[in-house]
Amino acid sequence: MREFIYFSQGARTSGNFDVGKLMEAGRMDIAIHSFIQGVFLSHGFRKDAVFHFVFYGQPDPPKHIEIRITDELEISKKDVGNLIKKILYKYKPGKKTEVLSGCWIEKKSFLNVAEELGKEGKQIFILDKKGEDIRKAKIKDNCVFILGDQEGLPKKELKRLKEIATPVSVGEKMYFASQTVAVVNNELDYRGI
């Protein structure tokens, strides 16, 4: 199983945004493109992938959304914005809520999400231009890759995160977050992970 944690400092934390104006919703467009690269294939889905969003935007941060593709989840690329909107609307304070099959929401910090996955024995990686070349890194099954939006990862949590995660790089060029997810998926596919 591979997992991605996508962090956004500005993405909306309630469903009251216009899916036609995703850039105004804290660059929700970047989150959606990253998710599409994480779980969609041509004519299918990756059932071996879990995608986590951690949003720190207004009005009620933080929000953690977890999506696992299931046979019961009806989803298309053009409807991801509405899916996220619906999940955010269904948030219930104080508990992790399954909104649709394979789709959960809860109030949880970025660092707590990463630490919990680490405690489950998963190998954690931070996508970082200065990290070890991903092609040379030792990667096991049950790995997690962390990436941020155009603002990057939160500085105050990065130091603690680096204690549990290994920085890896997809190359010297700066890619869009969604492109980085595609490169990681390709590397893992190539290795048969």
N, C-alpha and C. Protein backbone atom coordinates (compact mmCIF):
# COMPACT_ATOMS: atom_id res chain seq x y z
N MET A 1 0.85 -1.18 0.00
CA MET A 1 0.00 0.00 0.00
C MET A 1 0.89 1.24 0.00
N ARG A 2 0.54 2.19 -0.83
CA ARG A 2 1.23 3.48 -0.84
C ARG A 2 0.25 4.56 -0.40
N GLU A 3 0.78 5.54 0.31
CA GLU A 3 -0.07 6.63 0.78
C GLU A 3 0.61 7.96 0.50
N PHE A 4 -0.22 8.96 0.29
CA PHE A 4 0.25 10.32 0.08
C PHE A 4 -0.42 11.22 1.10
N ILE A 5 0.37 12.14 1.67
CA ILE A 5 -0.19 13.20 2.52
C ILE A 5 0.08 14.51 1.79
N TYR A 6 -0.99 15.18 1.42
CA TYR A 6 -0.89 16.48 0.75
C TYR A 6 -1.27 17.55 1.76
N PHE A 7 -0.34 18.46 2.05
CA PHE A 7 -0.59 19.54 3.01
C PHE A 7 -0.84 20.85 2.26
N SER A 8 -1.87 21.58 2.70
CA SER A 8 -2.14 22.90 2.15
C SER A 8 -2.39 23.88 3.29
N GLN A 9 -1.60 24.95 3.31
CA GLN A 9 -1.75 26.00 4.31
C GLN A 9 -3.04 26.79 4.10
N GLY A 10 -3.51 26.89 2.85
CA GLY A 10 -4.63 27.79 2.58
C GLY A 10 -5.92 27.14 2.13
N ALA A 11 -5.94 25.83 1.86
CA ALA A 11 -7.16 25.20 1.34
C ALA A 11 -8.31 25.31 2.35
N ARG A 12 -9.48 25.60 1.85
CA ARG A 12 -10.68 25.80 2.69
C ARG A 12 -10.94 24.58 3.58
N THR A 13 -11.40 24.85 4.78
CA THR A 13 -11.72 23.78 5.72
C THR A 13 -13.22 23.66 5.98
N SER A 14 -14.00 24.19 5.06
CA SER A 14 -15.44 23.95 5.06
C SER A 14 -15.85 23.83 3.59
N GLY A 15 -17.03 23.27 3.38
CA GLY A 15 -17.49 23.03 2.02
C GLY A 15 -18.08 24.25 1.33
N ASN A 16 -18.00 25.41 1.94
CA ASN A 16 -18.62 26.60 1.35
C ASN A 16 -17.67 27.31 0.38
N PHE A 17 -17.28 26.60 -0.68
CA PHE A 17 -16.48 27.21 -1.74
C PHE A 17 -17.11 26.86 -3.08
N ASP A 18 -16.81 27.66 -4.06
CA ASP A 18 -17.35 27.50 -5.41
C ASP A 18 -16.40 26.61 -6.20
N VAL A 19 -16.87 25.43 -6.66
CA VAL A 19 -15.99 24.53 -7.41
C VAL A 19 -15.58 25.11 -8.76
N GLY A 20 -16.22 26.18 -9.18
CA GLY A 20 -15.82 26.88 -10.39
C GLY A 20 -14.70 27.89 -10.14
N LYS A 21 -14.38 28.13 -8.86
CA LYS A 21 -13.34 29.10 -8.49
C LYS A 21 -12.39 28.47 -7.47
N LEU A 22 -11.75 27.39 -7.88
CA LEU A 22 -10.92 26.62 -6.96
C LEU A 22 -9.67 27.36 -6.50
N MET A 23 -9.16 28.25 -7.34
CA MET A 23 -7.98 29.02 -6.94
C MET A 23 -8.32 29.93 -5.76
N GLU A 24 -9.56 30.39 -5.71
CA GLU A 24 -9.99 31.26 -4.62
C GLU A 24 -10.31 30.49 -3.35
N ALA A 25 -10.33 29.17 -3.43
CA ALA A 25 -10.61 28.31 -2.27
C ALA A 25 -9.30 27.83 -1.65
N GLY A 26 -8.28 28.66 -1.67
CA GLY A 26 -6.99 28.29 -1.09
C GLY A 26 -6.21 27.34 -1.97
N ARG A 27 -6.32 27.54 -3.28
CA ARG A 27 -5.65 26.71 -4.28
C ARG A 27 -6.07 25.24 -4.18
N MET A 28 -7.37 25.06 -4.02
CA MET A 28 -7.94 23.71 -4.00
C MET A 28 -7.67 22.99 -5.32
N ASP A 29 -7.41 23.75 -6.39
CA ASP A 29 -7.09 23.15 -7.68
C ASP A 29 -5.83 22.29 -7.59
N ILE A 30 -4.83 22.74 -6.83
CA ILE A 30 -3.59 21.97 -6.68
C ILE A 30 -3.88 20.67 -5.94
N ALA A 31 -4.68 20.74 -4.89
CA ALA A 31 -5.06 19.54 -4.14
C ALA A 31 -5.76 18.53 -5.06
N ILE A 32 -6.68 19.01 -5.88
CA ILE A 32 -7.45 18.13 -6.76
C ILE A 32 -6.54 17.48 -7.80
N HIS A 33 -5.67 18.26 -8.43
CA HIS A 33 -4.76 17.69 -9.44
C HIS A 33 -3.83 16.66 -8.81
N SER A 34 -3.37 16.91 -7.60
CA SER A 34 -2.49 15.96 -6.91
C SER A 34 -3.24 14.66 -6.62
N PHE A 35 -4.48 14.78 -6.16
CA PHE A 35 -5.30 13.60 -5.90
C PHE A 35 -5.52 12.78 -7.16
N ILE A 36 -5.82 13.45 -8.25
CA ILE A 36 -6.04 12.76 -9.52
C ILE A 36 -4.80 11.96 -9.92
N GLN A 37 -3.63 12.58 -9.80
CA GLN A 37 -2.40 11.87 -10.12
C GLN A 37 -2.11 10.73 -9.13
N GLY A 38 -2.62 10.87 -7.92
CA GLY A 38 -2.39 9.86 -6.89
C GLY A 38 -3.20 8.60 -7.06
N VAL A 39 -4.45 8.72 -7.49
CA VAL A 39 -5.33 7.54 -7.48
C VAL A 39 -5.94 7.16 -8.83
N PHE A 40 -5.90 8.04 -9.81
CA PHE A 40 -6.52 7.72 -11.10
C PHE A 40 -5.50 7.09 -12.06
N LEU A 41 -5.97 6.13 -12.84
CA LEU A 41 -5.21 5.55 -13.94
C LEU A 41 -6.05 5.70 -15.20
N SER A 42 -5.46 5.51 -16.34
CA SER A 42 -6.25 5.51 -17.57
C SER A 42 -7.22 4.33 -17.48
N HIS A 43 -8.48 4.58 -17.54
CA HIS A 43 -9.53 3.55 -17.48
C HIS A 43 -9.57 2.82 -16.15
N GLY A 44 -9.21 3.48 -15.06
CA GLY A 44 -9.29 2.79 -13.77
C GLY A 44 -8.74 3.62 -12.62
N PHE A 45 -8.58 2.94 -11.50
CA PHE A 45 -8.11 3.57 -10.27
C PHE A 45 -7.02 2.74 -9.64
N ARG A 46 -6.24 3.37 -8.81
CA ARG A 46 -5.25 2.67 -7.99
C ARG A 46 -5.94 2.27 -6.69
N LYS A 47 -6.15 0.99 -6.52
CA LYS A 47 -6.75 0.52 -5.28
C LYS A 47 -5.69 0.24 -4.23
N ASP A 48 -4.41 0.44 -4.62
CA ASP A 48 -3.30 0.25 -3.69
C ASP A 48 -2.83 1.59 -3.13
N ALA A 49 -3.61 2.65 -3.31
CA ALA A 49 -3.20 3.99 -2.88
C ALA A 49 -4.25 4.60 -1.95
N VAL A 50 -3.75 5.31 -0.94
CA VAL A 50 -4.61 6.09 -0.03
C VAL A 50 -4.12 7.52 -0.11
N PHE A 51 -5.05 8.46 -0.20
CA PHE A 51 -4.68 9.87 -0.30
C PHE A 51 -5.22 10.61 0.91
N HIS A 52 -4.32 11.34 1.57
CA HIS A 52 -4.68 12.16 2.73
C HIS A 52 -4.53 13.63 2.36
N PHE A 53 -5.53 14.42 2.66
CA PHE A 53 -5.43 15.88 2.56
C PHE A 53 -5.38 16.42 3.98
N VAL A 54 -4.49 17.36 4.23
CA VAL A 54 -4.52 18.09 5.50
C VAL A 54 -4.59 19.57 5.13
N PHE A 55 -5.73 20.18 5.45
CA PHE A 55 -6.00 21.57 5.09
C PHE A 55 -5.94 22.45 6.34
N TYR A 56 -5.22 23.58 6.20
CA TYR A 56 -5.08 24.53 7.31
C TYR A 56 -5.72 25.88 7.01
N GLY A 57 -6.53 25.96 5.96
CA GLY A 57 -7.18 27.23 5.62
C GLY A 57 -8.36 27.53 6.54
N GLN A 58 -9.01 28.64 6.27
CA GLN A 58 -10.16 29.07 7.06
C GLN A 58 -11.41 28.33 6.60
N PRO A 59 -12.44 28.17 7.39
CA PRO A 59 -12.65 28.85 8.66
C PRO A 59 -12.37 27.99 9.89
N ASP A 60 -12.04 26.69 9.73
CA ASP A 60 -11.97 25.80 10.89
C ASP A 60 -10.81 24.80 10.78
N PRO A 61 -9.57 25.28 10.74
CA PRO A 61 -8.44 24.35 10.59
C PRO A 61 -8.13 23.61 11.90
N PRO A 62 -7.42 22.51 11.83
CA PRO A 62 -7.06 21.76 10.63
C PRO A 62 -8.14 20.73 10.30
N LYS A 63 -8.17 20.31 9.05
CA LYS A 63 -9.06 19.22 8.63
C LYS A 63 -8.22 18.17 7.92
N HIS A 64 -8.46 16.91 8.28
CA HIS A 64 -7.80 15.77 7.64
C HIS A 64 -8.86 14.97 6.91
N ILE A 65 -8.65 14.81 5.61
CA ILE A 65 -9.53 13.99 4.77
C ILE A 65 -8.72 12.81 4.28
N GLU A 66 -9.27 11.62 4.42
CA GLU A 66 -8.63 10.40 3.94
C GLU A 66 -9.54 9.76 2.91
N ILE A 67 -8.97 9.42 1.74
CA ILE A 67 -9.76 8.78 0.69
C ILE A 67 -9.07 7.51 0.22
N ARG A 68 -9.80 6.41 0.30
CA ARG A 68 -9.38 5.11 -0.23
C ARG A 68 -10.38 4.74 -1.31
N ILE A 69 -9.90 4.38 -2.46
CA ILE A 69 -10.81 4.00 -3.55
C ILE A 69 -11.44 2.65 -3.24
N THR A 70 -12.75 2.60 -3.27
CA THR A 70 -13.49 1.36 -3.06
C THR A 70 -14.41 1.14 -4.26
N ASP A 71 -14.91 -0.07 -4.39
CA ASP A 71 -15.85 -0.37 -5.48
C ASP A 71 -17.13 0.44 -5.36
N GLU A 72 -17.50 0.79 -4.14
CA GLU A 72 -18.75 1.52 -3.90
C GLU A 72 -18.63 3.02 -4.13
N LEU A 73 -17.40 3.54 -4.16
CA LEU A 73 -17.20 4.98 -4.33
C LEU A 73 -17.30 5.34 -5.81
N GLU A 74 -18.31 6.12 -6.13
CA GLU A 74 -18.47 6.58 -7.51
C GLU A 74 -17.77 7.93 -7.63
N ILE A 75 -16.76 7.98 -8.49
CA ILE A 75 -15.95 9.19 -8.60
C ILE A 75 -15.43 9.32 -10.03
N SER A 76 -15.35 10.56 -10.49
CA SER A 76 -14.74 10.84 -11.78
C SER A 76 -13.83 12.05 -11.61
N LYS A 77 -12.90 12.24 -12.53
CA LYS A 77 -11.95 13.35 -12.43
C LYS A 77 -12.65 14.70 -12.36
N LYS A 78 -13.73 14.85 -13.11
CA LYS A 78 -14.41 16.14 -13.15
C LYS A 78 -15.23 16.42 -11.90
N ASP A 79 -15.36 15.42 -11.02
CA ASP A 79 -16.21 15.56 -9.84
C ASP A 79 -15.43 15.58 -8.53
N VAL A 80 -14.09 15.62 -8.58
CA VAL A 80 -13.29 15.57 -7.35
C VAL A 80 -13.56 16.79 -6.47
N GLY A 81 -13.71 17.96 -7.06
CA GLY A 81 -14.01 19.17 -6.28
C GLY A 81 -15.29 19.02 -5.49
N ASN A 82 -16.31 18.49 -6.13
CA ASN A 82 -17.59 18.29 -5.43
C ASN A 82 -17.47 17.23 -4.34
N LEU A 83 -16.64 16.21 -4.58
CA LEU A 83 -16.42 15.17 -3.57
C LEU A 83 -15.79 15.79 -2.32
N ILE A 84 -14.74 16.58 -2.50
CA ILE A 84 -14.08 17.22 -1.35
C ILE A 84 -15.04 18.16 -0.64
N LYS A 85 -15.81 18.90 -1.41
CA LYS A 85 -16.79 19.82 -0.84
C LYS A 85 -17.80 19.06 0.03
N LYS A 86 -18.30 17.94 -0.48
CA LYS A 86 -19.28 17.13 0.25
C LYS A 86 -18.66 16.57 1.53
N ILE A 87 -17.41 16.09 1.45
CA ILE A 87 -16.74 15.54 2.63
C ILE A 87 -16.59 16.63 3.69
N LEU A 88 -16.15 17.82 3.28
CA LEU A 88 -15.98 18.92 4.24
C LEU A 88 -17.31 19.31 4.89
N TYR A 89 -18.39 19.31 4.13
CA TYR A 89 -19.71 19.64 4.70
C TYR A 89 -20.15 18.63 5.76
N LYS A 90 -19.71 17.38 5.63
CA LYS A 90 -20.18 16.32 6.53
C LYS A 90 -19.33 16.17 7.79
N TYR A 91 -18.38 17.08 7.99
CA TYR A 91 -17.54 17.02 9.20
C TYR A 91 -18.40 17.12 10.45
N LYS A 92 -18.11 16.24 11.44
CA LYS A 92 -18.78 16.28 12.74
C LYS A 92 -17.72 16.46 13.81
N PRO A 93 -17.83 17.51 14.62
CA PRO A 93 -16.81 17.77 15.64
C PRO A 93 -16.59 16.58 16.58
N GLY A 94 -15.32 16.34 16.88
CA GLY A 94 -14.97 15.34 17.87
C GLY A 94 -14.87 13.91 17.41
N LYS A 95 -15.09 13.64 16.12
CA LYS A 95 -14.97 12.25 15.67
C LYS A 95 -14.55 12.16 14.21
N LYS A 96 -14.01 10.99 13.88
CA LYS A 96 -13.65 10.68 12.49
C LYS A 96 -14.90 10.10 11.84
N THR A 97 -15.38 10.75 10.79
CA THR A 97 -16.64 10.40 10.17
C THR A 97 -16.41 9.83 8.77
N GLU A 98 -17.01 8.67 8.50
CA GLU A 98 -16.98 8.12 7.14
C GLU A 98 -18.17 8.72 6.39
N VAL A 99 -17.87 9.61 5.44
CA VAL A 99 -18.90 10.34 4.71
C VAL A 99 -19.47 9.49 3.59
N LEU A 100 -18.59 8.89 2.83
CA LEU A 100 -18.94 7.98 1.75
C LEU A 100 -18.02 6.77 1.88
N SER A 101 -18.28 5.72 1.15
CA SER A 101 -17.42 4.54 1.22
C SER A 101 -15.97 4.93 0.94
N GLY A 102 -15.10 4.71 1.93
CA GLY A 102 -13.68 5.01 1.77
C GLY A 102 -13.28 6.46 1.97
N CYS A 103 -14.21 7.32 2.38
CA CYS A 103 -13.93 8.76 2.54
C CYS A 103 -14.23 9.19 3.97
N TRP A 104 -13.17 9.62 4.69
CA TRP A 104 -13.31 10.04 6.08
C TRP A 104 -12.87 11.49 6.25
N ILE A 105 -13.40 12.12 7.29
CA ILE A 105 -12.95 13.47 7.67
C ILE A 105 -12.88 13.56 9.19
N GLU A 106 -11.90 14.32 9.65
CA GLU A 106 -11.73 14.57 11.08
C GLU A 106 -10.89 15.83 11.26
N LYS A 107 -10.86 16.33 12.48
CA LYS A 107 -10.02 17.47 12.81
C LYS A 107 -8.72 16.88 13.36
N LYS A 108 -7.64 16.99 12.59
CA LYS A 108 -6.36 16.43 13.02
C LYS A 108 -5.24 17.21 12.35
N SER A 109 -4.18 17.47 13.11
CA SER A 109 -3.06 18.24 12.58
C SER A 109 -2.22 17.42 11.60
N PHE A 110 -1.48 18.14 10.79
CA PHE A 110 -0.58 17.55 9.82
C PHE A 110 0.41 16.60 10.50
N LEU A 111 1.05 17.06 11.56
CA LEU A 111 2.05 16.25 12.25
C LEU A 111 1.42 15.00 12.86
N ASN A 112 0.23 15.13 13.43
CA ASN A 112 -0.45 13.97 14.01
C ASN A 112 -0.78 12.91 12.97
N VAL A 113 -1.19 13.34 11.78
CA VAL A 113 -1.47 12.39 10.71
C VAL A 113 -0.21 11.60 10.37
N ALA A 114 0.91 12.31 10.18
CA ALA A 114 2.18 11.66 9.83
C ALA A 114 2.65 10.75 10.95
N GLU A 115 2.57 11.22 12.19
CA GLU A 115 3.04 10.41 13.32
C GLU A 115 2.22 9.14 13.49
N GLU A 116 0.91 9.22 13.30
CA GLU A 116 0.07 8.03 13.41
C GLU A 116 0.42 6.99 12.36
N LEU A 117 0.67 7.45 11.14
CA LEU A 117 1.05 6.51 10.08
C LEU A 117 2.41 5.88 10.39
N GLY A 118 3.32 6.66 10.96
CA GLY A 118 4.62 6.13 11.36
C GLY A 118 4.48 5.08 12.46
N LYS A 119 3.58 5.32 13.42
CA LYS A 119 3.36 4.37 14.51
C LYS A 119 2.75 3.06 14.00
N GLU A 120 2.09 3.13 12.84
CA GLU A 120 1.53 1.92 12.23
C GLU A 120 2.61 1.11 11.50
N GLY A 121 3.86 1.59 11.58
CA GLY A 121 4.97 0.86 10.96
C GLY A 121 5.22 1.23 9.51
N LYS A 122 4.62 2.30 9.06
CA LYS A 122 4.79 2.71 7.67
C LYS A 122 6.06 3.54 7.51
N GLN A 123 6.72 3.37 6.40
CA GLN A 123 7.95 4.10 6.09
C GLN A 123 7.54 5.47 5.55
N ILE A 124 8.02 6.54 6.19
CA ILE A 124 7.59 7.90 5.85
C ILE A 124 8.70 8.63 5.09
N PHE A 125 8.31 9.27 3.99
CA PHE A 125 9.23 10.07 3.18
C PHE A 125 8.67 11.47 3.01
N ILE A 126 9.56 12.47 3.01
CA ILE A 126 9.19 13.85 2.68
C ILE A 126 9.74 14.12 1.29
N LEU A 127 8.92 14.62 0.41
CA LEU A 127 9.42 15.02 -0.91
C LEU A 127 10.11 16.36 -0.76
N ASP A 128 11.42 16.35 -1.01
CA ASP A 128 12.28 17.50 -0.75
C ASP A 128 13.36 17.54 -1.81
N LYS A 129 13.50 18.67 -2.47
CA LYS A 129 14.48 18.83 -3.54
C LYS A 129 15.90 18.47 -3.10
N LYS A 130 16.20 18.65 -1.80
CA LYS A 130 17.54 18.38 -1.28
C LYS A 130 17.68 16.96 -0.73
N GLY A 131 16.64 16.15 -0.83
CA GLY A 131 16.67 14.79 -0.29
C GLY A 131 17.45 13.82 -1.16
N GLU A 132 17.52 12.59 -0.69
CA GLU A 132 18.18 11.52 -1.44
C GLU A 132 17.41 11.24 -2.73
N ASP A 133 18.11 10.92 -3.79
CA ASP A 133 17.49 10.58 -5.07
C ASP A 133 16.52 9.41 -4.85
N ILE A 134 15.27 9.59 -5.23
CA ILE A 134 14.26 8.55 -5.01
C ILE A 134 14.64 7.24 -5.72
N ARG A 135 15.39 7.33 -6.81
CA ARG A 135 15.79 6.12 -7.53
C ARG A 135 16.82 5.30 -6.77
N LYS A 136 17.48 5.92 -5.79
CA LYS A 136 18.48 5.21 -4.99
C LYS A 136 17.96 4.86 -3.60
N ALA A 137 16.85 5.43 -3.21
CA ALA A 137 16.32 5.22 -1.86
C ALA A 137 15.77 3.81 -1.70
N LYS A 138 15.95 3.27 -0.49
CA LYS A 138 15.37 1.97 -0.15
C LYS A 138 13.93 2.22 0.27
N ILE A 139 13.00 1.70 -0.49
CA ILE A 139 11.58 1.92 -0.23
C ILE A 139 10.90 0.56 -0.09
N LYS A 140 10.16 0.40 1.01
CA LYS A 140 9.44 -0.85 1.26
C LYS A 140 7.97 -0.66 0.95
N ASP A 141 7.23 -1.78 0.98
CA ASP A 141 5.78 -1.69 0.91
C ASP A 141 5.30 -0.85 2.09
N ASN A 142 4.09 -0.39 2.03
CA ASN A 142 3.52 0.44 3.10
C ASN A 142 4.33 1.69 3.34
N CYS A 143 4.48 2.46 2.27
CA CYS A 143 5.24 3.70 2.34
C CYS A 143 4.29 4.89 2.22
N VAL A 144 4.75 6.02 2.79
CA VAL A 144 3.97 7.25 2.79
C VAL A 144 4.85 8.37 2.26
N PHE A 145 4.31 9.17 1.34
CA PHE A 145 5.05 10.30 0.78
C PHE A 145 4.30 11.59 1.12
N ILE A 146 5.04 12.55 1.66
CA ILE A 146 4.46 13.81 2.12
C ILE A 146 4.89 14.92 1.17
N LEU A 147 3.92 15.73 0.75
CA LEU A 147 4.21 16.87 -0.10
C LEU A 147 3.32 18.04 0.27
N GLY A 148 3.74 19.21 -0.13
CA GLY A 148 2.98 20.41 0.17
C GLY A 148 2.52 21.12 -1.08
N ASP A 149 1.68 22.12 -0.88
CA ASP A 149 1.21 22.95 -1.98
C ASP A 149 2.30 23.94 -2.38
N GLN A 150 1.94 25.01 -3.06
CA GLN A 150 2.92 25.98 -3.54
C GLN A 150 3.65 26.69 -2.40
N GLU A 151 3.10 26.65 -1.19
CA GLU A 151 3.73 27.27 -0.02
C GLU A 151 4.68 26.31 0.70
N GLY A 152 4.62 25.03 0.37
CA GLY A 152 5.48 24.05 1.03
C GLY A 152 4.87 23.53 2.32
N LEU A 153 5.71 22.90 3.13
CA LEU A 153 5.27 22.30 4.38
C LEU A 153 5.45 23.30 5.53
N PRO A 154 4.66 23.15 6.61
CA PRO A 154 4.74 24.10 7.72
C PRO A 154 6.09 24.01 8.43
N LYS A 155 6.78 25.14 8.51
CA LYS A 155 8.13 25.19 9.07
C LYS A 155 8.17 24.73 10.53
N LYS A 156 7.17 25.11 11.32
CA LYS A 156 7.21 24.77 12.74
C LYS A 156 7.08 23.27 12.98
N GLU A 157 6.49 22.53 12.05
CA GLU A 157 6.34 21.08 12.22
C GLU A 157 7.39 20.30 11.44
N LEU A 158 8.09 20.96 10.53
CA LEU A 158 9.05 20.28 9.66
C LEU A 158 10.20 19.65 10.44
N LYS A 159 10.68 20.34 11.47
CA LYS A 159 11.79 19.82 12.26
C LYS A 159 11.42 18.49 12.93
N ARG A 160 10.25 18.44 13.56
CA ARG A 160 9.79 17.19 14.18
C ARG A 160 9.50 16.12 13.15
N LEU A 161 8.98 16.54 12.01
CA LEU A 161 8.67 15.59 10.95
C LEU A 161 9.92 14.91 10.43
N LYS A 162 11.01 15.66 10.33
CA LYS A 162 12.26 15.09 9.82
C LYS A 162 12.85 14.05 10.76
N GLU A 163 12.37 13.99 12.01
CA GLU A 163 12.81 12.95 12.95
C GLU A 163 12.20 11.60 12.61
N ILE A 164 11.06 11.59 11.93
CA ILE A 164 10.39 10.32 11.61
C ILE A 164 10.36 10.02 10.12
N ALA A 165 10.82 10.97 9.30
CA ALA A 165 10.71 10.82 7.85
C ALA A 165 12.06 11.00 7.17
N THR A 166 12.20 10.38 6.01
CA THR A 166 13.40 10.48 5.20
C THR A 166 13.13 11.40 4.02
N PRO A 167 13.93 12.45 3.83
CA PRO A 167 13.74 13.32 2.65
C PRO A 167 14.21 12.61 1.38
N VAL A 168 13.37 12.63 0.34
CA VAL A 168 13.73 12.09 -0.97
C VAL A 168 13.39 13.11 -2.04
N SER A 169 14.14 13.06 -3.13
CA SER A 169 13.96 14.01 -4.22
C SER A 169 13.60 13.29 -5.51
N VAL A 170 12.76 13.94 -6.32
CA VAL A 170 12.43 13.39 -7.64
C VAL A 170 13.28 14.04 -8.73
N GLY A 171 14.24 14.87 -8.34
CA GLY A 171 15.14 15.49 -9.31
C GLY A 171 15.46 16.92 -8.96
N GLU A 172 16.30 17.52 -9.76
CA GLU A 172 16.77 18.87 -9.47
C GLU A 172 15.78 19.95 -9.88
N LYS A 173 14.87 19.66 -10.77
CA LYS A 173 13.89 20.66 -11.19
C LYS A 173 12.74 20.73 -10.20
N MET A 174 12.11 21.89 -10.12
CA MET A 174 10.95 22.07 -9.25
C MET A 174 9.70 21.73 -10.06
N TYR A 175 8.98 20.71 -9.62
CA TYR A 175 7.77 20.26 -10.30
C TYR A 175 6.53 20.77 -9.57
N PHE A 176 5.40 20.73 -10.27
CA PHE A 176 4.12 20.94 -9.61
C PHE A 176 3.89 19.77 -8.65
N ALA A 177 3.11 19.98 -7.60
CA ALA A 177 2.82 18.91 -6.65
C ALA A 177 2.23 17.70 -7.36
N SER A 178 1.30 17.93 -8.28
CA SER A 178 0.66 16.82 -8.99
C SER A 178 1.66 16.03 -9.83
N GLN A 179 2.62 16.72 -10.45
CA GLN A 179 3.64 16.04 -11.24
C GLN A 179 4.52 15.18 -10.34
N THR A 180 4.81 15.69 -9.15
CA THR A 180 5.64 14.94 -8.20
C THR A 180 4.94 13.64 -7.81
N VAL A 181 3.64 13.69 -7.57
CA VAL A 181 2.88 12.49 -7.23
C VAL A 181 2.97 11.48 -8.37
N ALA A 182 2.85 11.95 -9.60
CA ALA A 182 2.93 11.06 -10.76
C ALA A 182 4.30 10.40 -10.85
N VAL A 183 5.37 11.16 -10.59
CA VAL A 183 6.73 10.61 -10.64
C VAL A 183 6.91 9.54 -9.55
N VAL A 184 6.42 9.82 -8.35
CA VAL A 184 6.52 8.84 -7.26
C VAL A 184 5.76 7.57 -7.62
N ASN A 185 4.54 7.71 -8.11
CA ASN A 185 3.76 6.54 -8.50
C ASN A 185 4.48 5.73 -9.57
N ASN A 186 5.07 6.42 -10.54
CA ASN A 186 5.81 5.73 -11.60
C ASN A 186 6.98 4.94 -11.03
N GLU A 187 7.73 5.56 -10.11
CA GLU A 187 8.88 4.87 -9.50
C GLU A 187 8.44 3.63 -8.74
N LEU A 188 7.36 3.76 -7.97
CA LEU A 188 6.87 2.61 -7.21
C LEU A 188 6.32 1.52 -8.13
N ASP A 189 5.63 1.92 -9.20
CA ASP A 189 5.15 0.95 -10.18
C ASP A 189 6.32 0.19 -10.81
N TYR A 190 7.34 0.94 -11.18
CA TYR A 190 8.52 0.36 -11.83
C TYR A 190 9.17 -0.69 -10.91
N ARG A 191 9.19 -0.40 -9.62
CA ARG A 191 9.80 -1.32 -8.66
C ARG A 191 8.86 -2.46 -8.25
N GLY A 192 7.59 -2.34 -8.61
CA GLY A 192 6.62 -3.35 -8.21
C GLY A 192 6.21 -3.25 -6.75
N ILE A 193 6.27 -2.03 -6.21
CA ILE A 193 5.89 -1.81 -4.80
C ILE A 193 4.41 -1.44 -4.73
